[in-house]
Amino acid sequence: MEIDELHMPATASGMQSQSDILRQLAARLRPTDTSIVPPPILTYRDIIGAARKQEMSMKIEFKWSRFDALTTLQLYEIIQARESVFVVEQNCPYQETDGKDLHAWHLSVFADGELAAYARVVEPGFKYEQPSIGRVLTLAKFRSLKLGRALMTEAIRFTESTYPGQGIKIGAQARLESFYGSLGFETVTAPYSEDSIPHIDMVKPAPAQ
């Protein structure tokens, strides 16, 4: 809108003051339709609350697979996730594919169809005498979902069901000792360095029959 279209009356001096022009312009630009409601001002709490509601509505699916049953795409996504967390995020160059995947069960957790978390269970005799849970991860994008405990709980349930009476042994990062301890694992070694990261071995005894 051009100023000269307002047809405002002149002042006593024959000129319109700048403040008069601005007031008239503001009045003309103000919505007269009272049905138009301005958008609400969202607070940080509103945004976080909306994000949590969206997370709660996500469909979470747990899927177990043998290595040979994984599709090429599924295997690619698993290896990509493991490298993203254990090699890139932790700045730890090491041989991530270790030859044990062929002798393991693979647990993929999907959130609305997208890989969100993962763990594997290596058969007895290939890493330890006992079956072993490892490569436990949640991708950064999904960590707000707090999937770690549910992931480990399902891995433990499956392992104890598939290999009853054998217990479970893990090589855990030392900083996670209390987390695994809360799931029934007991520390059985002093801390040691693996790929320049402090680790400990932990064992969960087999449930009493």
C-alpha atoms as a PDB file:
ATOM      1  CA  MET A   1       0.000   0.000   0.000  1.00  0.00           C
ATOM      2  CA  GLU A   2       1.353   3.395  -1.011  1.00  0.00           C
ATOM      3  CA  ILE A   3       1.196   6.215   1.553  1.00  0.00           C
ATOM      4  CA  ASP A   4      -0.618   8.561  -0.797  1.00  0.00           C
ATOM      5  CA  GLU A   5      -3.549   6.183  -1.017  1.00  0.00           C
ATOM      6  CA  LEU A   6      -4.474   6.889   2.633  1.00  0.00           C
ATOM      7  CA  HIS A   7      -5.976  10.294   1.791  1.00  0.00           C
ATOM      8  CA  MET A   8      -5.142  11.629   5.257  1.00  0.00           C
ATOM      9  CA  PRO A   9      -6.066  15.251   6.082  1.00  0.00           C
ATOM     10  CA  ALA A  10      -3.266  17.792   6.150  1.00  0.00           C
ATOM     11  CA  THR A  11      -2.086  19.387   9.361  1.00  0.00           C
ATOM     12  CA  ALA A  12      -2.495  23.097  10.100  1.00  0.00           C
ATOM     13  CA  SER A  13       0.762  23.670   8.309  1.00  0.00           C
ATOM     14  CA  GLY A  14      -0.622  21.907   5.280  1.00  0.00           C
ATOM     15  CA  MET A  15       1.675  18.877   5.798  1.00  0.00           C
ATOM     16  CA  GLN A  16       0.981  15.590   7.541  1.00  0.00           C
ATOM     17  CA  SER A  17       3.355  14.763  10.352  1.00  0.00           C
ATOM     18  CA  GLN A  18       5.332  11.516  10.177  1.00  0.00           C
ATOM     19  CA  SER A  19       3.702  10.208  13.391  1.00  0.00           C
ATOM     20  CA  ASP A  20       0.219  10.847  11.933  1.00  0.00           C
ATOM     21  CA  ILE A  21       1.118   8.960   8.781  1.00  0.00           C
ATOM     22  CA  LEU A  22       2.432   5.982  10.772  1.00  0.00           C
ATOM     23  CA  ARG A  23      -0.662   5.878  13.014  1.00  0.00           C
ATOM     24  CA  GLN A  24      -2.979   5.983  10.004  1.00  0.00           C
ATOM     25  CA  LEU A  25      -0.960   3.280   8.264  1.00  0.00           C
ATOM     26  CA  ALA A  26      -1.009   1.035  11.305  1.00  0.00           C
ATOM     27  CA  ALA A  27      -4.776   1.445  11.604  1.00  0.00           C
ATOM     28  CA  ARG A  28      -5.294   0.517   7.968  1.00  0.00           C
ATOM     29  CA  LEU A  29      -3.041  -2.540   8.270  1.00  0.00           C
ATOM     30  CA  ARG A  30      -4.659  -3.802  11.496  1.00  0.00           C
ATOM     31  CA  PRO A  31      -6.941  -6.840  10.754  1.00  0.00           C
ATOM     32  CA  THR A  32     -10.619  -5.968  11.058  1.00  0.00           C
ATOM     33  CA  ASP A  33     -11.748  -9.588  10.821  1.00  0.00           C
ATOM     34  CA  THR A  34     -12.007 -10.691  14.441  1.00  0.00           C
ATOM     35  CA  SER A  35     -12.136 -14.311  13.324  1.00  0.00           C
ATOM     36  CA  ILE A  36      -8.423 -14.134  12.497  1.00  0.00           C
ATOM     37  CA  VAL A  37      -6.587 -15.418  15.561  1.00  0.00           C
ATOM     38  CA  PRO A  38      -2.829 -14.874  15.707  1.00  0.00           C
ATOM     39  CA  PRO A  39      -0.754 -18.046  16.202  1.00  0.00           C
ATOM     40  CA  PRO A  40       0.052 -18.860  19.831  1.00  0.00           C
ATOM     41  CA  ILE A  41       3.465 -18.063  21.214  1.00  0.00           C
ATOM     42  CA  LEU A  42       5.120 -21.426  21.971  1.00  0.00           C
ATOM     43  CA  THR A  43       7.353 -21.791  24.992  1.00  0.00           C
ATOM     44  CA  TYR A  44      10.267 -24.207  25.314  1.00  0.00           C
ATOM     45  CA  ARG A  45       8.056 -26.383  27.538  1.00  0.00           C
ATOM     46  CA  ASP A  46       5.374 -26.491  24.828  1.00  0.00           C
ATOM     47  CA  ILE A  47       7.898 -27.609  22.213  1.00  0.00           C
ATOM     48  CA  ILE A  48       9.403 -30.322  24.453  1.00  0.00           C
ATOM     49  CA  GLY A  49       5.932 -31.529  25.433  1.00  0.00           C
ATOM     50  CA  ALA A  50       4.886 -31.823  21.796  1.00  0.00           C
ATOM     51  CA  ALA A  51       8.071 -33.736  20.963  1.00  0.00           C
ATOM     52  CA  ARG A  52       7.443 -36.184  23.803  1.00  0.00           C
ATOM     53  CA  LYS A  53       3.869 -36.767  22.669  1.00  0.00           C
ATOM     54  CA  GLN A  54       5.167 -37.538  19.199  1.00  0.00           C
ATOM     55  CA  GLU A  55       7.733 -39.964  20.638  1.00  0.00           C
ATOM     56  CA  MET A  56       5.075 -41.713  22.715  1.00  0.00           C
ATOM     57  CA  SER A  57       2.978 -42.237  19.594  1.00  0.00           C
ATOM     58  CA  MET A  58       5.838 -43.965  17.756  1.00  0.00           C
ATOM     59  CA  LYS A  59       5.406 -47.635  16.921  1.00  0.00           C
ATOM     60  CA  ILE A  60       8.293 -49.562  18.513  1.00  0.00           C
ATOM     61  CA  GLU A  61       9.039 -53.010  17.073  1.00  0.00           C
ATOM     62  CA  PHE A  62      11.593 -55.609  18.226  1.00  0.00           C
ATOM     63  CA  LYS A  63      12.843 -58.066  15.595  1.00  0.00           C
ATOM     64  CA  TRP A  64      15.259 -60.989  15.952  1.00  0.00           C
ATOM     65  CA  SER A  65      17.133 -62.325  12.916  1.00  0.00           C
ATOM     66  CA  ARG A  66      19.902 -64.750  12.123  1.00  0.00           C
ATOM     67  CA  PHE A  67      22.672 -63.401   9.918  1.00  0.00           C
ATOM     68  CA  ASP A  68      21.560 -65.370   6.871  1.00  0.00           C
ATOM     69  CA  ALA A  69      18.009 -64.027   7.215  1.00  0.00           C
ATOM     70  CA  LEU A  70      19.040 -60.372   7.059  1.00  0.00           C
ATOM     71  CA  THR A  71      18.468 -58.630   3.746  1.00  0.00           C
ATOM     72  CA  THR A  72      21.300 -56.700   2.154  1.00  0.00           C
ATOM     73  CA  LEU A  73      19.656 -53.417   3.179  1.00  0.00           C
ATOM     74  CA  GLN A  74      19.073 -54.569   6.771  1.00  0.00           C
ATOM     75  CA  LEU A  75      22.694 -55.678   7.109  1.00  0.00           C
ATOM     76  CA  TYR A  76      23.902 -52.392   5.631  1.00  0.00           C
ATOM     77  CA  GLU A  77      21.817 -50.381   8.132  1.00  0.00           C
ATOM     78  CA  ILE A  78      23.123 -52.452  11.055  1.00  0.00           C
ATOM     79  CA  ILE A  79      26.778 -52.075  10.060  1.00  0.00           C
ATOM     80  CA  GLN A  80      26.250 -48.371   9.385  1.00  0.00           C
ATOM     81  CA  ALA A  81      24.685 -47.913  12.848  1.00  0.00           C
ATOM     82  CA  ARG A  82      27.482 -49.801  14.594  1.00  0.00           C
ATOM     83  CA  GLU A  83      30.189 -47.831  12.815  1.00  0.00           C
ATOM     84  CA  SER A  84      28.363 -44.564  13.531  1.00  0.00           C
ATOM     85  CA  VAL A  85      28.325 -45.217  17.276  1.00  0.00           C
ATOM     86  CA  PHE A  86      31.401 -47.325  18.037  1.00  0.00           C
ATOM     87  CA  VAL A  87      33.861 -45.956  15.477  1.00  0.00           C
ATOM     88  CA  VAL A  88      32.803 -42.390  14.621  1.00  0.00           C
ATOM     89  CA  GLU A  89      31.093 -41.121  17.811  1.00  0.00           C
ATOM     90  CA  GLN A  90      33.603 -42.755  20.130  1.00  0.00           C
ATOM     91  CA  ASN A  91      36.507 -41.779  17.879  1.00  0.00           C
ATOM     92  CA  CYS A  92      37.778 -45.340  18.063  1.00  0.00           C
ATOM     93  CA  PRO A  93      39.248 -46.768  14.844  1.00  0.00           C
ATOM     94  CA  TYR A  94      39.038 -50.551  15.056  1.00  0.00           C
ATOM     95  CA  GLN A  95      37.878 -53.542  13.011  1.00  0.00           C
ATOM     96  CA  GLU A  96      34.152 -53.342  13.738  1.00  0.00           C
ATOM     97  CA  THR A  97      33.112 -56.423  11.731  1.00  0.00           C
ATOM     98  CA  ASP A  98      34.816 -59.132  13.753  1.00  0.00           C
ATOM     99  CA  GLY A  99      33.680 -62.394  12.172  1.00  0.00           C
ATOM    100  CA  LYS A 100      31.224 -63.200  14.967  1.00  0.00           C
ATOM    101  CA  ASP A 101      28.119 -61.880  13.212  1.00  0.00           C
ATOM    102  CA  LEU A 102      27.718 -65.188  11.392  1.00  0.00           C
ATOM    103  CA  HIS A 103      27.396 -66.912  14.774  1.00  0.00           C
ATOM    104  CA  ALA A 104      24.977 -64.464  16.364  1.00  0.00           C
ATOM    105  CA  TRP A 105      21.347 -63.498  16.705  1.00  0.00           C
ATOM    106  CA  HIS A 106      20.693 -59.883  15.733  1.00  0.00           C
ATOM    107  CA  LEU A 107      18.116 -57.759  17.546  1.00  0.00           C
ATOM    108  CA  SER A 108      16.902 -54.708  15.645  1.00  0.00           C
ATOM    109  CA  VAL A 109      14.576 -52.177  17.251  1.00  0.00           C
ATOM    110  CA  PHE A 110      12.544 -50.047  14.880  1.00  0.00           C
ATOM    111  CA  ALA A 111      10.758 -46.771  15.623  1.00  0.00           C
ATOM    112  CA  ASP A 112       8.083 -46.138  13.005  1.00  0.00           C
ATOM    113  CA  GLY A 113       9.963 -48.498  10.692  1.00  0.00           C
ATOM    114  CA  GLU A 114      13.387 -46.864  11.107  1.00  0.00           C
ATOM    115  CA  LEU A 115      16.299 -48.617  12.811  1.00  0.00           C
ATOM    116  CA  ALA A 116      16.624 -46.993  16.241  1.00  0.00           C
ATOM    117  CA  ALA A 117      18.574 -49.472  18.391  1.00  0.00           C
ATOM    118  CA  TYR A 118      20.444 -52.750  18.058  1.00  0.00           C
ATOM    119  CA  ALA A 119      22.197 -55.548  19.930  1.00  0.00           C
ATOM    120  CA  ARG A 120      23.530 -58.977  19.067  1.00  0.00           C
ATOM    121  CA  VAL A 121      23.772 -62.256  20.947  1.00  0.00           C
ATOM    122  CA  VAL A 122      26.830 -64.345  20.080  1.00  0.00           C
ATOM    123  CA  GLU A 123      26.423 -68.095  20.497  1.00  0.00           C
ATOM    124  CA  PRO A 124      28.289 -69.888  23.293  1.00  0.00           C
ATOM    125  CA  GLY A 125      31.871 -70.809  22.441  1.00  0.00           C
ATOM    126  CA  PHE A 126      32.577 -68.058  19.891  1.00  0.00           C
ATOM    127  CA  LYS A 127      33.452 -65.145  22.165  1.00  0.00           C
ATOM    128  CA  TYR A 128      33.104 -66.610  25.633  1.00  0.00           C
ATOM    129  CA  GLU A 129      32.135 -69.985  26.987  1.00  0.00           C
ATOM    130  CA  GLN A 130      28.731 -68.471  27.732  1.00  0.00           C
ATOM    131  CA  PRO A 131      26.443 -66.712  25.271  1.00  0.00           C
ATOM    132  CA  SER A 132      27.310 -63.017  25.042  1.00  0.00           C
ATOM    133  CA  ILE A 133      25.318 -59.849  24.455  1.00  0.00           C
ATOM    134  CA  GLY A 134      27.207 -57.108  22.661  1.00  0.00           C
ATOM    135  CA  ARG A 135      27.209 -54.222  20.184  1.00  0.00           C
ATOM    136  CA  VAL A 136      24.463 -52.638  22.294  1.00  0.00           C
ATOM    137  CA  LEU A 137      23.542 -49.244  20.867  1.00  0.00           C
ATOM    138  CA  THR A 138      20.851 -46.632  20.365  1.00  0.00           C
ATOM    139  CA  LEU A 139      21.282 -44.241  17.470  1.00  0.00           C
ATOM    140  CA  ALA A 140      21.656 -40.580  18.489  1.00  0.00           C
ATOM    141  CA  LYS A 141      18.411 -39.558  16.818  1.00  0.00           C
ATOM    142  CA  PHE A 142      16.418 -41.898  19.079  1.00  0.00           C
ATOM    143  CA  ARG A 143      18.185 -41.595  22.447  1.00  0.00           C
ATOM    144  CA  SER A 144      15.422 -39.454  23.892  1.00  0.00           C
ATOM    145  CA  LEU A 145      13.201 -42.561  23.678  1.00  0.00           C
ATOM    146  CA  LYS A 146      15.292 -44.223  26.425  1.00  0.00           C
ATOM    147  CA  LEU A 147      15.361 -47.575  24.630  1.00  0.00           C
ATOM    148  CA  GLY A 148      18.509 -48.897  26.307  1.00  0.00           C
ATOM    149  CA  ARG A 149      16.881 -50.721  29.210  1.00  0.00           C
ATOM    150  CA  ALA A 150      14.102 -52.199  27.074  1.00  0.00           C
ATOM    151  CA  LEU A 151      16.718 -53.300  24.523  1.00  0.00           C
ATOM    152  CA  MET A 152      18.823 -55.079  27.146  1.00  0.00           C
ATOM    153  CA  THR A 153      15.799 -56.570  28.900  1.00  0.00           C
ATOM    154  CA  GLU A 154      14.665 -58.172  25.640  1.00  0.00           C
ATOM    155  CA  ALA A 155      18.206 -59.351  24.839  1.00  0.00           C
ATOM    156  CA  ILE A 156      18.485 -60.979  28.263  1.00  0.00           C
ATOM    157  CA  ARG A 157      15.049 -62.610  27.973  1.00  0.00           C
ATOM    158  CA  PHE A 158      15.868 -64.042  24.555  1.00  0.00           C
ATOM    159  CA  THR A 159      19.330 -65.262  25.555  1.00  0.00           C
ATOM    160  CA  GLU A 160      18.153 -67.002  28.711  1.00  0.00           C
ATOM    161  CA  SER A 161      15.314 -68.611  26.760  1.00  0.00           C
ATOM    162  CA  THR A 162      17.498 -69.727  23.840  1.00  0.00           C
ATOM    163  CA  TYR A 163      20.473 -70.880  25.939  1.00  0.00           C
ATOM    164  CA  PRO A 164      18.956 -71.895  29.288  1.00  0.00           C
ATOM    165  CA  GLY A 165      21.149 -72.588  32.287  1.00  0.00           C
ATOM    166  CA  GLN A 166      24.325 -71.085  30.809  1.00  0.00           C
ATOM    167  CA  GLY A 167      24.300 -67.538  32.133  1.00  0.00           C
ATOM    168  CA  ILE A 168      25.409 -64.541  30.067  1.00  0.00           C
ATOM    169  CA  LYS A 169      28.813 -62.886  29.822  1.00  0.00           C
ATOM    170  CA  ILE A 170      29.502 -59.407  28.452  1.00  0.00           C
ATOM    171  CA  GLY A 171      32.500 -57.173  27.879  1.00  0.00           C
ATOM    172  CA  ALA A 172      31.120 -53.837  29.058  1.00  0.00           C
ATOM    173  CA  GLN A 173      32.520 -50.344  28.975  1.00  0.00           C
ATOM    174  CA  ALA A 174      33.515 -49.590  32.548  1.00  0.00           C
ATOM    175  CA  ARG A 175      31.436 -46.407  32.665  1.00  0.00           C
ATOM    176  CA  LEU A 176      28.274 -48.534  32.232  1.00  0.00           C
ATOM    177  CA  GLU A 177      29.016 -50.878  35.139  1.00  0.00           C
ATOM    178  CA  SER A 178      26.156 -49.590  37.296  1.00  0.00           C
ATOM    179  CA  PHE A 179      23.660 -49.825  34.417  1.00  0.00           C
ATOM    180  CA  TYR A 180      24.478 -53.458  33.695  1.00  0.00           C
ATOM    181  CA  GLY A 181      24.650 -54.150  37.416  1.00  0.00           C
ATOM    182  CA  SER A 182      21.041 -53.002  37.714  1.00  0.00           C
ATOM    183  CA  LEU A 183      20.131 -55.708  35.187  1.00  0.00           C
ATOM    184  CA  GLY A 184      21.692 -58.496  37.250  1.00  0.00           C
ATOM    185  CA  PHE A 185      25.257 -58.561  35.896  1.00  0.00           C
ATOM    186  CA  GLU A 186      28.194 -58.972  38.270  1.00  0.00           C
ATOM    187  CA  THR A 187      31.717 -57.680  37.614  1.00  0.00           C
ATOM    188  CA  VAL A 188      34.238 -60.531  37.333  1.00  0.00           C
ATOM    189  CA  THR A 189      37.428 -58.759  36.184  1.00  0.00           C
ATOM    190  CA  ALA A 190      39.450 -55.669  36.965  1.00  0.00           C
ATOM    191  CA  PRO A 191      39.207 -52.875  34.386  1.00  0.00           C
ATOM    192  CA  TYR A 192      41.255 -53.421  31.227  1.00  0.00           C
ATOM    193  CA  SER A 193      41.786 -51.437  28.045  1.00  0.00           C
ATOM    194  CA  GLU A 194      40.112 -52.543  24.832  1.00  0.00           C
ATOM    195  CA  ASP A 195      40.590 -50.290  21.810  1.00  0.00           C
ATOM    196  CA  SER A 196      41.800 -47.609  24.250  1.00  0.00           C
ATOM    197  CA  ILE A 197      38.484 -47.667  26.169  1.00  0.00           C
ATOM    198  CA  PRO A 198      38.284 -49.034  29.772  1.00  0.00           C
ATOM    199  CA  HIS A 199      36.265 -52.264  29.870  1.00  0.00           C
ATOM    200  CA  ILE A 200      35.247 -54.878  32.417  1.00  0.00           C
ATOM    201  CA  ASP A 201      33.869 -58.383  32.038  1.00  0.00           C
ATOM    202  CA  MET A 202      30.516 -59.006  33.695  1.00  0.00           C
ATOM    203  CA  VAL A 203      28.441 -62.155  34.136  1.00  0.00           C
ATOM    204  CA  LYS A 204      24.743 -62.643  34.758  1.00  0.00           C
ATOM    205  CA  PRO A 205      24.254 -66.011  36.445  1.00  0.00           C
ATOM    206  CA  ALA A 206      21.637 -68.333  35.012  1.00  0.00           C
ATOM    207  CA  PRO A 207      18.271 -68.033  36.770  1.00  0.00           C
ATOM    208  CA  ALA A 208      17.633 -70.663  39.413  1.00  0.00           C
ATOM    209  CA  GLN A 209      15.585 -73.534  38.032  1.00  0.00           C
END
